[in-house]
Amino acid sequence: MSEESRQYEDVDLATWEVDSDEYWEPDAPEPEPKATTWPSRVVAFGHWASSVARGLLDIRFTRVATRDLLPAVYALGLVLAVAIPIALTVLVFQWSIFAGVLFLLVVAPVMGVTIAATIRLCLELVLSLIELAGMVDDISTMGAELQNSLGDLSGPVHQMASSVRAVQFWRFKERRQSAKVREMRR
């Protein structure tokens, strides 16, 4: 085994893991929910309702109201997930009692669950897209900072490269070889 390979055998991988925490912060644990009283819930609902109203009345789109509106949209979606199968069941009962009972017991529950799940998945997709947009913005900021850092680094690197080129120690070897060639020709 060479001396260089023995040098790397002694590296403790545990120290690398400690160093990696410097760059990646673990997700903060979620706080435990506190028991709230009815007056504080009413106040919180009032704040949420006013935020939703401000979001709906903002015709210039100066603020993003998606997170505020999602609970209201989901609640309306759940109402529709129940109302649509009920309305269709009434229509099917008017057509035939046997078909109405079959629709009520088989199709309506599946339809309601499917509508509710579809609405939930679409709203979670919207939330994921919002989070992704935030991450892309963070990555863009990091890229700009990296570009600035690399720009600051390029000056010293070019200076070092020009200093190395000025040394030209390899030309001594070329001169010796060309002198030997000249002696052989004589």
N, C-alpha and C. Protein backbone atom coordinates (compact mmCIF):
# COMPACT_ATOMS: atom_id res chain seq x y z
N MET A 1 0.84 -1.17 0.00
CA MET A 1 0.00 0.00 0.00
C MET A 1 0.89 1.23 0.00
N SER A 2 0.57 2.21 -0.82
CA SER A 2 1.42 3.39 -0.93
C SER A 2 1.19 4.32 0.27
N GLU A 3 2.11 5.25 0.42
CA GLU A 3 2.05 6.20 1.52
C GLU A 3 0.81 7.10 1.42
N GLU A 4 0.45 7.47 0.20
CA GLU A 4 -0.71 8.35 0.01
C GLU A 4 -2.01 7.64 0.39
N SER A 5 -2.15 6.36 0.03
CA SER A 5 -3.38 5.65 0.37
C SER A 5 -3.50 5.44 1.88
N ARG A 6 -2.36 5.25 2.60
CA ARG A 6 -2.42 5.13 4.06
C ARG A 6 -2.84 6.44 4.69
N GLN A 7 -2.47 7.53 4.08
CA GLN A 7 -2.83 8.84 4.59
C GLN A 7 -4.35 9.01 4.63
N TYR A 8 -5.05 8.49 3.64
CA TYR A 8 -6.49 8.66 3.58
C TYR A 8 -7.25 7.63 4.39
N GLU A 9 -6.60 6.56 4.83
CA GLU A 9 -7.27 5.56 5.65
C GLU A 9 -7.61 6.12 7.03
N ASP A 10 -6.82 7.06 7.53
CA ASP A 10 -6.99 7.57 8.87
C ASP A 10 -8.07 8.65 8.96
N VAL A 11 -8.71 8.99 7.87
CA VAL A 11 -9.72 10.04 7.90
C VAL A 11 -10.95 9.52 8.62
N ASP A 12 -11.44 10.31 9.57
CA ASP A 12 -12.62 9.93 10.34
C ASP A 12 -13.86 10.47 9.65
N LEU A 13 -14.70 9.56 9.19
CA LEU A 13 -15.91 9.98 8.48
C LEU A 13 -16.90 10.68 9.39
N ALA A 14 -16.83 10.46 10.66
CA ALA A 14 -17.76 11.11 11.59
C ALA A 14 -17.55 12.63 11.57
N THR A 15 -16.31 13.07 11.38
CA THR A 15 -16.08 14.52 11.34
C THR A 15 -16.69 15.13 10.10
N TRP A 16 -16.77 14.38 9.02
CA TRP A 16 -17.40 14.90 7.81
C TRP A 16 -18.88 15.12 8.03
N GLU A 17 -19.51 14.19 8.78
CA GLU A 17 -20.94 14.34 9.04
C GLU A 17 -21.20 15.58 9.89
N VAL A 18 -20.34 15.86 10.84
CA VAL A 18 -20.52 17.05 11.67
C VAL A 18 -20.37 18.29 10.81
N ASP A 19 -19.38 18.29 9.91
CA ASP A 19 -19.18 19.43 9.05
C ASP A 19 -20.34 19.63 8.09
N SER A 20 -21.00 18.55 7.66
CA SER A 20 -22.09 18.69 6.71
C SER A 20 -23.29 19.37 7.34
N ASP A 21 -23.44 19.28 8.68
CA ASP A 21 -24.55 19.97 9.35
C ASP A 21 -24.42 21.48 9.22
N GLU A 22 -23.22 21.94 8.97
CA GLU A 22 -23.00 23.35 8.82
C GLU A 22 -23.76 23.90 7.60
N TYR A 23 -23.95 23.08 6.59
CA TYR A 23 -24.57 23.53 5.36
C TYR A 23 -26.05 23.20 5.28
N TRP A 24 -26.46 22.11 5.91
CA TRP A 24 -27.86 21.68 5.82
C TRP A 24 -28.47 21.71 7.20
N GLU A 25 -29.47 22.54 7.37
CA GLU A 25 -30.15 22.60 8.65
C GLU A 25 -31.33 21.65 8.62
N PRO A 26 -31.49 20.84 9.65
CA PRO A 26 -32.65 19.94 9.67
C PRO A 26 -33.93 20.74 9.83
N ASP A 27 -35.03 20.14 9.37
CA ASP A 27 -36.31 20.80 9.51
C ASP A 27 -36.64 20.96 10.99
N ALA A 28 -37.17 22.12 11.31
CA ALA A 28 -37.54 22.39 12.70
C ALA A 28 -38.76 21.55 13.05
N PRO A 29 -38.78 20.99 14.24
CA PRO A 29 -39.95 20.20 14.63
C PRO A 29 -41.16 21.11 14.76
N GLU A 30 -42.31 20.56 14.42
CA GLU A 30 -43.53 21.34 14.51
C GLU A 30 -43.90 21.54 15.97
N PRO A 31 -44.34 22.75 16.32
CA PRO A 31 -44.72 22.97 17.72
C PRO A 31 -45.99 22.20 18.06
N GLU A 32 -46.08 21.80 19.31
CA GLU A 32 -47.26 21.07 19.73
C GLU A 32 -48.44 22.04 19.79
N PRO A 33 -49.61 21.60 19.32
CA PRO A 33 -50.76 22.51 19.34
C PRO A 33 -51.19 22.81 20.77
N LYS A 34 -51.51 24.07 20.99
CA LYS A 34 -51.96 24.48 22.31
C LYS A 34 -53.48 24.41 22.36
N ALA A 35 -53.99 24.17 23.54
CA ALA A 35 -55.44 24.17 23.72
C ALA A 35 -55.92 25.62 23.64
N THR A 36 -56.84 25.87 22.72
CA THR A 36 -57.33 27.23 22.54
C THR A 36 -58.74 27.34 23.07
N THR A 37 -59.09 28.53 23.48
CA THR A 37 -60.44 28.78 23.98
C THR A 37 -61.30 29.30 22.84
N TRP A 38 -62.61 29.29 23.06
CA TRP A 38 -63.52 29.74 22.01
C TRP A 38 -63.31 31.20 21.62
N PRO A 39 -63.08 32.11 22.54
CA PRO A 39 -62.87 33.50 22.09
C PRO A 39 -61.64 33.65 21.19
N SER A 40 -60.56 32.92 21.51
CA SER A 40 -59.37 33.03 20.66
C SER A 40 -59.62 32.41 19.29
N ARG A 41 -60.44 31.37 19.23
CA ARG A 41 -60.78 30.78 17.94
C ARG A 41 -61.61 31.73 17.10
N VAL A 42 -62.53 32.44 17.74
CA VAL A 42 -63.37 33.41 17.03
C VAL A 42 -62.51 34.54 16.50
N VAL A 43 -61.57 34.99 17.30
CA VAL A 43 -60.66 36.06 16.87
C VAL A 43 -59.81 35.57 15.71
N ALA A 44 -59.30 34.34 15.80
CA ALA A 44 -58.48 33.78 14.72
C ALA A 44 -59.30 33.65 13.44
N PHE A 45 -60.55 33.21 13.58
CA PHE A 45 -61.42 33.10 12.41
C PHE A 45 -61.68 34.48 11.81
N GLY A 46 -61.85 35.48 12.65
CA GLY A 46 -62.05 36.85 12.16
C GLY A 46 -60.85 37.35 11.37
N HIS A 47 -59.65 37.05 11.89
CA HIS A 47 -58.43 37.45 11.16
C HIS A 47 -58.35 36.72 9.82
N TRP A 48 -58.66 35.43 9.83
CA TRP A 48 -58.62 34.66 8.58
C TRP A 48 -59.65 35.19 7.59
N ALA A 49 -60.86 35.46 8.07
CA ALA A 49 -61.92 35.96 7.18
C ALA A 49 -61.54 37.32 6.60
N SER A 50 -60.94 38.18 7.40
CA SER A 50 -60.53 39.49 6.87
C SER A 50 -59.40 39.33 5.86
N SER A 51 -58.51 38.39 6.09
CA SER A 51 -57.42 38.13 5.14
C SER A 51 -57.98 37.59 3.83
N VAL A 52 -58.97 36.70 3.91
CA VAL A 52 -59.61 36.18 2.70
C VAL A 52 -60.30 37.30 1.95
N ALA A 53 -61.01 38.16 2.68
CA ALA A 53 -61.72 39.28 2.04
C ALA A 53 -60.73 40.23 1.36
N ARG A 54 -59.61 40.53 2.03
CA ARG A 54 -58.59 41.39 1.41
C ARG A 54 -58.02 40.73 0.15
N GLY A 55 -57.82 39.41 0.22
CA GLY A 55 -57.28 38.70 -0.95
C GLY A 55 -58.26 38.71 -2.12
N LEU A 56 -59.54 38.54 -1.83
CA LEU A 56 -60.54 38.54 -2.90
C LEU A 56 -60.76 39.93 -3.49
N LEU A 57 -60.64 40.94 -2.68
CA LEU A 57 -60.89 42.31 -3.16
C LEU A 57 -59.65 42.99 -3.73
N ASP A 58 -58.51 42.32 -3.71
CA ASP A 58 -57.27 42.87 -4.27
C ASP A 58 -57.29 42.66 -5.78
N ILE A 59 -57.81 43.63 -6.52
CA ILE A 59 -57.96 43.46 -7.97
C ILE A 59 -56.65 43.69 -8.72
N ARG A 60 -55.65 44.22 -8.07
CA ARG A 60 -54.35 44.45 -8.73
C ARG A 60 -53.37 43.31 -8.48
N PHE A 61 -53.75 42.34 -7.68
CA PHE A 61 -52.91 41.19 -7.35
C PHE A 61 -51.58 41.62 -6.75
N THR A 62 -51.64 42.54 -5.80
CA THR A 62 -50.42 43.00 -5.14
C THR A 62 -49.97 42.05 -4.04
N ARG A 63 -50.87 41.19 -3.57
CA ARG A 63 -50.50 40.21 -2.55
C ARG A 63 -50.99 38.84 -2.98
N VAL A 64 -50.29 37.83 -2.52
CA VAL A 64 -50.67 36.46 -2.85
C VAL A 64 -51.63 35.97 -1.77
N ALA A 65 -52.82 35.59 -2.18
CA ALA A 65 -53.85 35.17 -1.23
C ALA A 65 -54.13 33.68 -1.30
N THR A 66 -53.31 32.94 -2.00
CA THR A 66 -53.59 31.52 -2.23
C THR A 66 -53.70 30.76 -0.91
N ARG A 67 -52.74 30.94 -0.03
CA ARG A 67 -52.76 30.19 1.24
C ARG A 67 -53.97 30.58 2.09
N ASP A 68 -54.40 31.82 2.00
CA ASP A 68 -55.57 32.24 2.77
C ASP A 68 -56.86 31.67 2.17
N LEU A 69 -56.91 31.55 0.86
CA LEU A 69 -58.13 31.12 0.19
C LEU A 69 -58.30 29.60 0.14
N LEU A 70 -57.23 28.85 0.28
CA LEU A 70 -57.32 27.40 0.15
C LEU A 70 -58.31 26.75 1.12
N PRO A 71 -58.36 27.11 2.39
CA PRO A 71 -59.36 26.48 3.26
C PRO A 71 -60.79 26.75 2.80
N ALA A 72 -61.06 27.97 2.36
CA ALA A 72 -62.42 28.29 1.89
C ALA A 72 -62.75 27.51 0.63
N VAL A 73 -61.80 27.43 -0.29
CA VAL A 73 -62.03 26.67 -1.53
C VAL A 73 -62.24 25.19 -1.21
N TYR A 74 -61.47 24.66 -0.27
CA TYR A 74 -61.62 23.25 0.09
C TYR A 74 -62.98 23.00 0.75
N ALA A 75 -63.41 23.91 1.61
CA ALA A 75 -64.72 23.75 2.25
C ALA A 75 -65.84 23.77 1.21
N LEU A 76 -65.75 24.70 0.26
CA LEU A 76 -66.75 24.74 -0.82
C LEU A 76 -66.68 23.47 -1.67
N GLY A 77 -65.49 22.98 -1.90
CA GLY A 77 -65.34 21.74 -2.66
C GLY A 77 -65.97 20.56 -1.96
N LEU A 78 -65.81 20.49 -0.64
CA LEU A 78 -66.44 19.40 0.11
C LEU A 78 -67.96 19.51 0.07
N VAL A 79 -68.48 20.73 0.11
CA VAL A 79 -69.93 20.92 -0.01
C VAL A 79 -70.39 20.41 -1.37
N LEU A 80 -69.63 20.75 -2.42
CA LEU A 80 -69.98 20.25 -3.76
C LEU A 80 -69.84 18.74 -3.86
N ALA A 81 -68.85 18.17 -3.18
CA ALA A 81 -68.65 16.72 -3.21
C ALA A 81 -69.82 15.98 -2.58
N VAL A 82 -70.55 16.64 -1.70
CA VAL A 82 -71.74 16.04 -1.10
C VAL A 82 -72.99 16.40 -1.91
N ALA A 83 -73.07 17.66 -2.35
CA ALA A 83 -74.29 18.14 -3.03
C ALA A 83 -74.48 17.51 -4.40
N ILE A 84 -73.43 17.33 -5.16
CA ILE A 84 -73.57 16.78 -6.53
C ILE A 84 -74.11 15.34 -6.49
N PRO A 85 -73.54 14.42 -5.69
CA PRO A 85 -74.13 13.07 -5.64
C PRO A 85 -75.58 13.07 -5.13
N ILE A 86 -75.90 13.96 -4.17
CA ILE A 86 -77.29 14.01 -3.68
C ILE A 86 -78.24 14.46 -4.78
N ALA A 87 -77.83 15.51 -5.51
CA ALA A 87 -78.69 16.00 -6.60
C ALA A 87 -78.85 14.93 -7.68
N LEU A 88 -77.79 14.24 -8.02
CA LEU A 88 -77.89 13.19 -9.03
C LEU A 88 -78.72 12.00 -8.53
N THR A 89 -78.62 11.71 -7.23
CA THR A 89 -79.43 10.63 -6.67
C THR A 89 -80.92 10.97 -6.77
N VAL A 90 -81.28 12.22 -6.48
CA VAL A 90 -82.69 12.65 -6.62
C VAL A 90 -83.15 12.50 -8.07
N LEU A 91 -82.31 12.89 -9.02
CA LEU A 91 -82.68 12.76 -10.43
C LEU A 91 -82.85 11.28 -10.83
N VAL A 92 -81.96 10.43 -10.33
CA VAL A 92 -82.04 9.02 -10.67
C VAL A 92 -83.28 8.39 -10.02
N PHE A 93 -83.63 8.81 -8.77
CA PHE A 93 -84.85 8.31 -8.12
C PHE A 93 -86.10 8.71 -8.91
N GLN A 94 -86.09 9.88 -9.52
CA GLN A 94 -87.24 10.30 -10.33
C GLN A 94 -87.38 9.41 -11.56
N TRP A 95 -86.28 8.91 -12.04
CA TRP A 95 -86.31 8.07 -13.23
C TRP A 95 -86.73 6.65 -12.87
N SER A 96 -86.11 6.07 -11.78
CA SER A 96 -86.44 4.71 -11.36
C SER A 96 -86.04 4.53 -9.91
N ILE A 97 -86.89 3.89 -9.12
CA ILE A 97 -86.59 3.67 -7.71
C ILE A 97 -85.45 2.67 -7.54
N PHE A 98 -85.46 1.59 -8.31
CA PHE A 98 -84.39 0.59 -8.23
C PHE A 98 -83.04 1.22 -8.60
N ALA A 99 -83.01 1.98 -9.70
CA ALA A 99 -81.77 2.65 -10.11
C ALA A 99 -81.35 3.69 -9.07
N GLY A 100 -82.32 4.36 -8.45
CA GLY A 100 -82.02 5.35 -7.42
C GLY A 100 -81.36 4.73 -6.20
N VAL A 101 -81.91 3.57 -5.76
CA VAL A 101 -81.31 2.87 -4.61
C VAL A 101 -79.91 2.38 -4.94
N LEU A 102 -79.76 1.81 -6.13
CA LEU A 102 -78.44 1.34 -6.57
C LEU A 102 -77.45 2.50 -6.66
N PHE A 103 -77.90 3.62 -7.21
CA PHE A 103 -77.04 4.81 -7.33
C PHE A 103 -76.67 5.34 -5.94
N LEU A 104 -77.66 5.36 -5.02
CA LEU A 104 -77.44 5.87 -3.67
C LEU A 104 -76.45 5.01 -2.90
N LEU A 105 -76.51 3.69 -3.08
CA LEU A 105 -75.66 2.80 -2.30
C LEU A 105 -74.28 2.56 -2.92
N VAL A 106 -74.17 2.66 -4.25
CA VAL A 106 -72.91 2.32 -4.91
C VAL A 106 -72.22 3.54 -5.52
N VAL A 107 -72.90 4.22 -6.39
CA VAL A 107 -72.27 5.26 -7.20
C VAL A 107 -72.07 6.56 -6.42
N ALA A 108 -73.06 6.99 -5.67
CA ALA A 108 -72.99 8.28 -4.97
C ALA A 108 -71.83 8.35 -3.98
N PRO A 109 -71.60 7.34 -3.13
CA PRO A 109 -70.45 7.43 -2.22
C PRO A 109 -69.11 7.47 -2.95
N VAL A 110 -69.00 6.65 -3.98
CA VAL A 110 -67.74 6.64 -4.76
C VAL A 110 -67.55 7.99 -5.44
N MET A 111 -68.62 8.55 -5.97
CA MET A 111 -68.54 9.85 -6.65
C MET A 111 -68.16 10.95 -5.65
N GLY A 112 -68.76 10.94 -4.47
CA GLY A 112 -68.45 11.95 -3.47
C GLY A 112 -67.01 11.88 -3.01
N VAL A 113 -66.54 10.68 -2.74
CA VAL A 113 -65.15 10.51 -2.31
C VAL A 113 -64.19 10.91 -3.43
N THR A 114 -64.53 10.54 -4.65
CA THR A 114 -63.67 10.88 -5.79
C THR A 114 -63.59 12.39 -5.99
N ILE A 115 -64.72 13.07 -5.89
CA ILE A 115 -64.72 14.54 -6.05
C ILE A 115 -63.91 15.17 -4.93
N ALA A 116 -64.11 14.74 -3.69
CA ALA A 116 -63.38 15.31 -2.55
C ALA A 116 -61.87 15.05 -2.69
N ALA A 117 -61.50 13.84 -3.09
CA ALA A 117 -60.08 13.52 -3.25
C ALA A 117 -59.45 14.33 -4.38
N THR A 118 -60.19 14.50 -5.46
CA THR A 118 -59.67 15.27 -6.59
C THR A 118 -59.44 16.72 -6.19
N ILE A 119 -60.40 17.29 -5.48
CA ILE A 119 -60.24 18.68 -5.03
C ILE A 119 -59.05 18.79 -4.08
N ARG A 120 -58.94 17.85 -3.16
CA ARG A 120 -57.82 17.88 -2.22
C ARG A 120 -56.47 17.75 -2.93
N LEU A 121 -56.38 16.84 -3.88
CA LEU A 121 -55.13 16.67 -4.62
C LEU A 121 -54.77 17.91 -5.43
N CYS A 122 -55.76 18.52 -6.04
CA CYS A 122 -55.49 19.74 -6.82
C CYS A 122 -55.00 20.87 -5.92
N LEU A 123 -55.60 21.01 -4.76
CA LEU A 123 -55.17 22.07 -3.84
C LEU A 123 -53.79 21.78 -3.26
N GLU A 124 -53.49 20.52 -2.99
CA GLU A 124 -52.14 20.18 -2.53
C GLU A 124 -51.11 20.41 -3.64
N LEU A 125 -51.51 20.18 -4.88
CA LEU A 125 -50.62 20.49 -6.00
C LEU A 125 -50.33 21.98 -6.06
N VAL A 126 -51.34 22.79 -5.82
CA VAL A 126 -51.14 24.24 -5.79
C VAL A 126 -50.17 24.61 -4.68
N LEU A 127 -50.34 24.01 -3.50
CA LEU A 127 -49.40 24.28 -2.40
C LEU A 127 -47.99 23.84 -2.75
N SER A 128 -47.85 22.68 -3.38
CA SER A 128 -46.53 22.19 -3.77
C SER A 128 -45.89 23.13 -4.79
N LEU A 129 -46.68 23.64 -5.71
CA LEU A 129 -46.14 24.57 -6.70
C LEU A 129 -45.68 25.87 -6.05
N ILE A 130 -46.43 26.31 -5.05
CA ILE A 130 -46.02 27.52 -4.32
C ILE A 130 -44.69 27.28 -3.61
N GLU A 131 -44.57 26.14 -2.95
CA GLU A 131 -43.32 25.82 -2.25
C GLU A 131 -42.17 25.67 -3.25
N LEU A 132 -42.44 25.05 -4.39
CA LEU A 132 -41.41 24.89 -5.42
C LEU A 132 -40.96 26.24 -5.95
N ALA A 133 -41.91 27.15 -6.14
CA ALA A 133 -41.55 28.49 -6.60
C ALA A 133 -40.65 29.19 -5.58
N GLY A 134 -40.94 28.99 -4.30
CA GLY A 134 -40.08 29.57 -3.26
C GLY A 134 -38.69 28.98 -3.29
N MET A 135 -38.60 27.66 -3.50
CA MET A 135 -37.30 27.00 -3.57
C MET A 135 -36.51 27.47 -4.79
N VAL A 136 -37.20 27.62 -5.92
CA VAL A 136 -36.53 28.09 -7.13
C VAL A 136 -36.01 29.51 -6.92
N ASP A 137 -36.78 30.33 -6.22
CA ASP A 137 -36.33 31.68 -5.91
C ASP A 137 -35.09 31.64 -5.03
N ASP A 138 -35.08 30.75 -4.03
CA ASP A 138 -33.90 30.61 -3.17
C ASP A 138 -32.69 30.14 -3.96
N ILE A 139 -32.88 29.18 -4.86
CA ILE A 139 -31.78 28.67 -5.68
C ILE A 139 -31.27 29.78 -6.60
N SER A 140 -32.17 30.58 -7.12
CA SER A 140 -31.75 31.69 -7.98
C SER A 140 -30.90 32.69 -7.20
N THR A 141 -31.30 32.97 -5.97
CA THR A 141 -30.51 33.87 -5.13
C THR A 141 -29.14 33.27 -4.83
N MET A 142 -29.10 31.96 -4.53
CA MET A 142 -27.82 31.31 -4.28
C MET A 142 -26.94 31.33 -5.52
N GLY A 143 -27.54 31.15 -6.69
CA GLY A 143 -26.78 31.19 -7.94
C GLY A 143 -26.17 32.56 -8.18
N ALA A 144 -26.94 33.60 -7.90
CA ALA A 144 -26.41 34.96 -8.07
C ALA A 144 -25.26 35.22 -7.09
N GLU A 145 -25.42 34.74 -5.84
CA GLU A 145 -24.34 34.91 -4.87
C GLU A 145 -23.11 34.12 -5.28
N LEU A 146 -23.31 32.92 -5.83
CA LEU A 146 -22.19 32.10 -6.28
C LEU A 146 -21.47 32.77 -7.45
N GLN A 147 -22.25 33.34 -8.36
CA GLN A 147 -21.64 34.04 -9.50
C GLN A 147 -20.81 35.22 -9.01
N ASN A 148 -21.31 35.97 -8.04
CA ASN A 148 -20.54 37.09 -7.50
C ASN A 148 -19.27 36.59 -6.81
N SER A 149 -19.36 35.49 -6.07
CA SER A 149 -18.19 34.94 -5.39
C SER A 149 -17.15 34.46 -6.39
N LEU A 150 -17.61 33.78 -7.44
CA LEU A 150 -16.67 33.32 -8.47
C LEU A 150 -16.04 34.49 -9.21
N GLY A 151 -16.80 35.56 -9.41
CA GLY A 151 -16.23 36.76 -10.03
C GLY A 151 -15.14 37.36 -9.18
N ASP A 152 -15.35 37.37 -7.85
CA ASP A 152 -14.33 37.88 -6.94
C ASP A 152 -13.10 36.97 -6.91
N LEU A 153 -13.30 35.69 -7.17
CA LEU A 153 -12.21 34.72 -7.13
C LEU A 153 -11.39 34.73 -8.42
N SER A 154 -11.99 35.16 -9.52
CA SER A 154 -11.30 35.06 -10.81
C SER A 154 -10.06 35.94 -10.88
N GLY A 155 -10.09 37.10 -10.24
CA GLY A 155 -8.92 38.00 -10.25
C GLY A 155 -7.68 37.34 -9.67
N PRO A 156 -7.76 36.82 -8.44
CA PRO A 156 -6.57 36.15 -7.86
C PRO A 156 -6.14 34.91 -8.65
N VAL A 157 -7.09 34.19 -9.22
CA VAL A 157 -6.71 33.00 -10.00
C VAL A 157 -5.95 33.41 -11.25
N HIS A 158 -6.40 34.46 -11.93
CA HIS A 158 -5.67 34.94 -13.12
C HIS A 158 -4.28 35.44 -12.73
N GLN A 159 -4.17 36.09 -11.57
CA GLN A 159 -2.86 36.56 -11.10
C GLN A 159 -1.93 35.38 -10.84
N MET A 160 -2.44 34.33 -10.21
CA MET A 160 -1.63 33.15 -9.95
C MET A 160 -1.21 32.48 -11.26
N ALA A 161 -2.13 32.41 -12.22
CA ALA A 161 -1.80 31.79 -13.50
C ALA A 161 -0.71 32.57 -14.22
N SER A 162 -0.78 33.89 -14.19
CA SER A 162 0.26 34.68 -14.86
C SER A 162 1.59 34.55 -14.13
N SER A 163 1.55 34.41 -12.80
CA SER A 163 2.80 34.22 -12.04
C SER A 163 3.43 32.88 -12.37
N VAL A 164 2.61 31.83 -12.53
CA VAL A 164 3.14 30.52 -12.87
C VAL A 164 3.73 30.55 -14.27
N ARG A 165 3.07 31.23 -15.19
CA ARG A 165 3.60 31.31 -16.56
C ARG A 165 4.94 32.05 -16.59
N ALA A 166 5.14 32.98 -15.67
CA ALA A 166 6.38 33.76 -15.66
C ALA A 166 7.57 32.93 -15.21
N VAL A 167 7.34 31.88 -14.43
CA VAL A 167 8.43 31.07 -13.92
C VAL A 167 9.10 30.29 -15.05
N GLN A 168 8.39 29.58 -15.82
CA GLN A 168 8.85 28.82 -16.98
C GLN A 168 10.05 27.92 -16.67
N PHE A 169 9.93 27.13 -15.64
CA PHE A 169 11.02 26.23 -15.26
C PHE A 169 11.20 25.10 -16.26
N TRP A 170 10.23 24.80 -17.04
CA TRP A 170 10.33 23.69 -17.97
C TRP A 170 11.22 24.02 -19.17
N ARG A 171 11.52 25.25 -19.38
CA ARG A 171 12.38 25.62 -20.51
C ARG A 171 13.82 25.19 -20.28
N PHE A 172 14.24 25.06 -19.00
CA PHE A 172 15.59 24.60 -18.73
C PHE A 172 15.79 23.20 -19.29
N LYS A 173 14.79 22.36 -19.15
CA LYS A 173 14.87 21.00 -19.67
C LYS A 173 14.96 21.04 -21.19
N GLU A 174 14.18 21.91 -21.81
CA GLU A 174 14.23 22.02 -23.28
C GLU A 174 15.59 22.51 -23.74
N ARG A 175 16.22 23.44 -23.02
CA ARG A 175 17.53 23.96 -23.40
C ARG A 175 18.60 22.87 -23.31
N ARG A 176 18.52 22.05 -22.24
CA ARG A 176 19.49 20.98 -22.09
C ARG A 176 19.36 19.97 -23.23
N GLN A 177 18.11 19.63 -23.57
CA GLN A 177 17.89 18.66 -24.64
C GLN A 177 18.34 19.23 -25.98
N SER A 178 18.07 20.49 -26.23
CA SER A 178 18.50 21.06 -27.51
C SER A 178 20.03 21.19 -27.56
N ALA A 179 20.69 21.42 -26.42
CA ALA A 179 22.16 21.48 -26.39
C ALA A 179 22.73 20.10 -26.69
N LYS A 180 22.13 19.03 -26.15
CA LYS A 180 22.60 17.67 -26.43
C LYS A 180 22.42 17.35 -27.90
N VAL A 181 21.32 17.77 -28.48
CA VAL A 181 21.08 17.50 -29.90
C VAL A 181 22.12 18.24 -30.73
N ARG A 182 22.45 19.46 -30.38
CA ARG A 182 23.46 20.22 -31.12
C ARG A 182 24.82 19.54 -31.03
N GLU A 183 25.19 19.01 -29.84
CA GLU A 183 26.47 18.34 -29.67
C GLU A 183 26.53 17.07 -30.53
N MET A 184 25.42 16.36 -30.61
CA MET A 184 25.39 15.13 -31.39
C MET A 184 25.54 15.44 -32.88
N ARG A 185 25.03 16.55 -33.33
CA ARG A 185 25.13 16.90 -34.74
C ARG A 185 26.56 17.30 -35.10
N ARG A 186 27.30 17.77 -34.17
CA ARG A 186 28.65 18.21 -34.47
C ARG A 186 29.53 17.05 -34.62
